[in-house]
C-alpha cells in the first residue's frame, strides 16, 4: 500500500493535499479532510501505517 492508493480509497473525504520537499530524503504532506470522525480516524491510521512514514498526526475540529 502506498499513500496514493490510500488517498484514492478515501477521495470523498479529502478536500486538498500539499506535498513539500524538506530535503533530499524527506517530504511532508498535509491533507485537509472533511467527514465523520470515525472515517477520518480510519484514514489517518491507514496513512500513518504506510511503510516509510516517520510521523503522522490527525487533528480534528468540529464544524457546527
N, C-alpha and C. Protein backbone atom coordinates (compact mmCIF):
# COMPACT_ATOMS: atom_id res chain seq x y z
N UNK A 1 0.84 -1.19 0.00
CA UNK A 1 0.00 0.00 0.00
C UNK A 1 0.88 1.24 0.00
N UNK A 2 0.50 2.22 -0.81
CA UNK A 2 1.22 3.49 -0.76
C UNK A 2 0.23 4.63 -0.48
N UNK A 3 0.78 5.80 -0.27
CA UNK A 3 -0.05 6.95 0.10
C UNK A 3 -1.12 7.25 -0.95
N UNK A 4 -0.76 7.18 -2.21
CA UNK A 4 -1.74 7.49 -3.27
C UNK A 4 -2.90 6.52 -3.26
N UNK A 5 -2.63 5.24 -3.07
CA UNK A 5 -3.72 4.25 -3.04
C UNK A 5 -4.68 4.52 -1.89
N UNK A 6 -4.14 4.82 -0.72
CA UNK A 6 -4.99 5.11 0.44
C UNK A 6 -5.82 6.36 0.17
N UNK A 7 -5.18 7.39 -0.37
CA UNK A 7 -5.90 8.63 -0.64
C UNK A 7 -7.00 8.41 -1.69
N UNK A 8 -6.75 7.60 -2.69
CA UNK A 8 -7.78 7.32 -3.69
C UNK A 8 -8.95 6.56 -3.07
N UNK A 9 -8.66 5.67 -2.12
CA UNK A 9 -9.73 4.92 -1.44
C UNK A 9 -10.62 5.85 -0.62
N UNK A 10 -10.11 6.99 -0.20
CA UNK A 10 -10.86 7.94 0.64
C UNK A 10 -11.06 9.29 -0.07
N UNK A 11 -11.13 9.26 -1.38
CA UNK A 11 -11.23 10.50 -2.16
C UNK A 11 -12.40 11.38 -1.74
N UNK A 12 -13.49 10.77 -1.28
CA UNK A 12 -14.68 11.54 -0.90
C UNK A 12 -14.43 12.38 0.35
N UNK A 13 -13.44 12.02 1.16
CA UNK A 13 -13.16 12.74 2.40
C UNK A 13 -12.05 13.77 2.25
N UNK A 14 -11.25 13.66 1.20
CA UNK A 14 -10.07 14.53 1.05
C UNK A 14 -10.44 15.79 0.26
N UNK A 15 -10.23 16.93 0.90
CA UNK A 15 -10.50 18.22 0.26
C UNK A 15 -9.29 18.72 -0.52
N UNK A 16 -8.10 18.52 0.06
CA UNK A 16 -6.89 19.07 -0.53
C UNK A 16 -5.68 18.39 0.08
N UNK A 17 -4.58 18.37 -0.67
CA UNK A 17 -3.32 17.88 -0.12
C UNK A 17 -2.17 18.70 -0.68
N UNK A 18 -1.17 18.87 0.14
CA UNK A 18 0.04 19.60 -0.26
C UNK A 18 1.24 18.73 0.06
N UNK A 19 2.19 18.70 -0.86
CA UNK A 19 3.40 17.89 -0.72
C UNK A 19 4.60 18.83 -0.75
N UNK A 20 5.44 18.75 0.29
CA UNK A 20 6.61 19.61 0.41
C UNK A 20 7.88 18.76 0.43
N UNK A 21 8.90 19.19 -0.29
CA UNK A 21 10.20 18.54 -0.23
C UNK A 21 11.03 19.26 0.82
N UNK A 22 11.31 18.60 1.94
CA UNK A 22 12.06 19.20 3.03
C UNK A 22 13.56 19.15 2.77
N UNK A 23 14.02 18.02 2.28
CA UNK A 23 15.42 17.87 1.88
C UNK A 23 15.47 16.68 0.91
N UNK A 24 16.67 16.21 0.61
CA UNK A 24 16.82 15.15 -0.39
C UNK A 24 16.08 13.88 -0.02
N UNK A 25 15.97 13.59 1.28
CA UNK A 25 15.40 12.32 1.73
C UNK A 25 14.05 12.42 2.42
N UNK A 26 13.57 13.62 2.69
CA UNK A 26 12.35 13.78 3.49
C UNK A 26 11.34 14.72 2.83
N UNK A 27 10.09 14.30 2.89
CA UNK A 27 8.98 15.11 2.40
C UNK A 27 7.94 15.24 3.50
N UNK A 28 7.08 16.24 3.37
CA UNK A 28 5.97 16.41 4.29
C UNK A 28 4.71 16.55 3.47
N UNK A 29 3.65 15.90 3.90
CA UNK A 29 2.37 16.01 3.22
C UNK A 29 1.32 16.45 4.22
N UNK A 30 0.55 17.45 3.83
CA UNK A 30 -0.55 17.94 4.65
C UNK A 30 -1.83 17.66 3.87
N UNK A 31 -2.78 17.00 4.52
CA UNK A 31 -4.03 16.63 3.86
C UNK A 31 -5.20 17.19 4.64
N UNK A 32 -6.01 18.01 3.99
CA UNK A 32 -7.22 18.56 4.60
C UNK A 32 -8.38 17.62 4.28
N UNK A 33 -9.12 17.24 5.31
CA UNK A 33 -10.20 16.28 5.15
C UNK A 33 -11.49 16.78 5.79
N UNK A 34 -12.59 16.17 5.40
CA UNK A 34 -13.88 16.54 5.98
C UNK A 34 -14.74 15.28 6.01
N UNK A 35 -15.39 15.04 7.15
CA UNK A 35 -16.27 13.88 7.24
C UNK A 35 -16.48 13.45 8.67
N UNK A 36 -17.00 12.24 8.81
CA UNK A 36 -17.26 11.68 10.14
C UNK A 36 -15.94 11.36 10.82
N UNK A 37 -15.87 11.64 12.11
CA UNK A 37 -14.64 11.43 12.88
C UNK A 37 -14.14 9.99 12.76
N UNK A 38 -15.03 9.03 12.78
CA UNK A 38 -14.62 7.63 12.70
C UNK A 38 -13.94 7.32 11.36
N UNK A 39 -14.46 7.88 10.27
CA UNK A 39 -13.87 7.65 8.95
C UNK A 39 -12.51 8.36 8.84
N UNK A 40 -12.42 9.57 9.39
CA UNK A 40 -11.17 10.32 9.33
C UNK A 40 -10.09 9.66 10.18
N UNK A 41 -10.48 9.11 11.31
CA UNK A 41 -9.53 8.37 12.16
C UNK A 41 -9.03 7.13 11.43
N UNK A 42 -9.93 6.43 10.76
CA UNK A 42 -9.56 5.25 9.98
C UNK A 42 -8.57 5.63 8.87
N UNK A 43 -8.86 6.71 8.16
CA UNK A 43 -7.97 7.19 7.10
C UNK A 43 -6.60 7.54 7.66
N UNK A 44 -6.56 8.30 8.74
CA UNK A 44 -5.28 8.69 9.35
C UNK A 44 -4.49 7.47 9.78
N UNK A 45 -5.14 6.51 10.39
CA UNK A 45 -4.46 5.29 10.84
C UNK A 45 -3.84 4.56 9.66
N UNK A 46 -4.55 4.49 8.55
CA UNK A 46 -4.03 3.80 7.36
C UNK A 46 -2.85 4.56 6.75
N UNK A 47 -2.95 5.88 6.71
CA UNK A 47 -1.84 6.68 6.16
C UNK A 47 -0.59 6.55 7.03
N UNK A 48 -0.77 6.62 8.34
CA UNK A 48 0.37 6.56 9.26
C UNK A 48 1.03 5.18 9.22
N UNK A 49 0.25 4.15 8.89
CA UNK A 49 0.78 2.78 8.84
C UNK A 49 1.58 2.47 7.58
N UNK A 50 1.52 3.36 6.57
CA UNK A 50 2.25 3.12 5.32
C UNK A 50 3.75 3.08 5.61
N UNK A 51 4.41 2.08 5.04
CA UNK A 51 5.86 1.92 5.23
C UNK A 51 6.58 3.19 4.77
N UNK A 52 7.50 3.65 5.59
CA UNK A 52 8.27 4.85 5.26
C UNK A 52 7.76 6.11 5.94
N UNK A 53 6.53 6.08 6.46
CA UNK A 53 6.00 7.25 7.16
C UNK A 53 6.68 7.32 8.53
N UNK A 54 7.33 8.44 8.80
CA UNK A 54 8.06 8.60 10.05
C UNK A 54 7.21 9.20 11.16
N UNK A 55 6.25 10.03 10.80
CA UNK A 55 5.41 10.69 11.80
C UNK A 55 4.08 11.05 11.15
N UNK A 56 3.01 10.91 11.89
CA UNK A 56 1.71 11.31 11.40
C UNK A 56 0.82 11.72 12.56
N UNK A 57 -0.07 12.64 12.30
CA UNK A 57 -0.97 13.10 13.36
C UNK A 57 -2.26 13.61 12.73
N UNK A 58 -3.37 13.23 13.33
CA UNK A 58 -4.68 13.73 12.92
C UNK A 58 -5.13 14.76 13.93
N UNK A 59 -5.46 15.94 13.46
CA UNK A 59 -6.02 17.00 14.31
C UNK A 59 -7.40 17.32 13.76
N UNK A 60 -8.41 17.24 14.63
CA UNK A 60 -9.79 17.47 14.19
C UNK A 60 -10.40 18.66 14.90
N UNK A 61 -11.31 19.32 14.20
CA UNK A 61 -12.08 20.41 14.76
C UNK A 61 -13.53 20.18 14.36
N UNK A 62 -14.42 20.49 15.25
CA UNK A 62 -15.83 20.30 14.98
C UNK A 62 -16.39 21.54 14.28
N UNK A 63 -17.14 21.30 13.22
CA UNK A 63 -17.79 22.40 12.50
C UNK A 63 -19.28 22.31 12.73
N UNK A 64 -19.83 23.29 13.42
CA UNK A 64 -21.28 23.28 13.70
C UNK A 64 -22.01 24.26 12.81
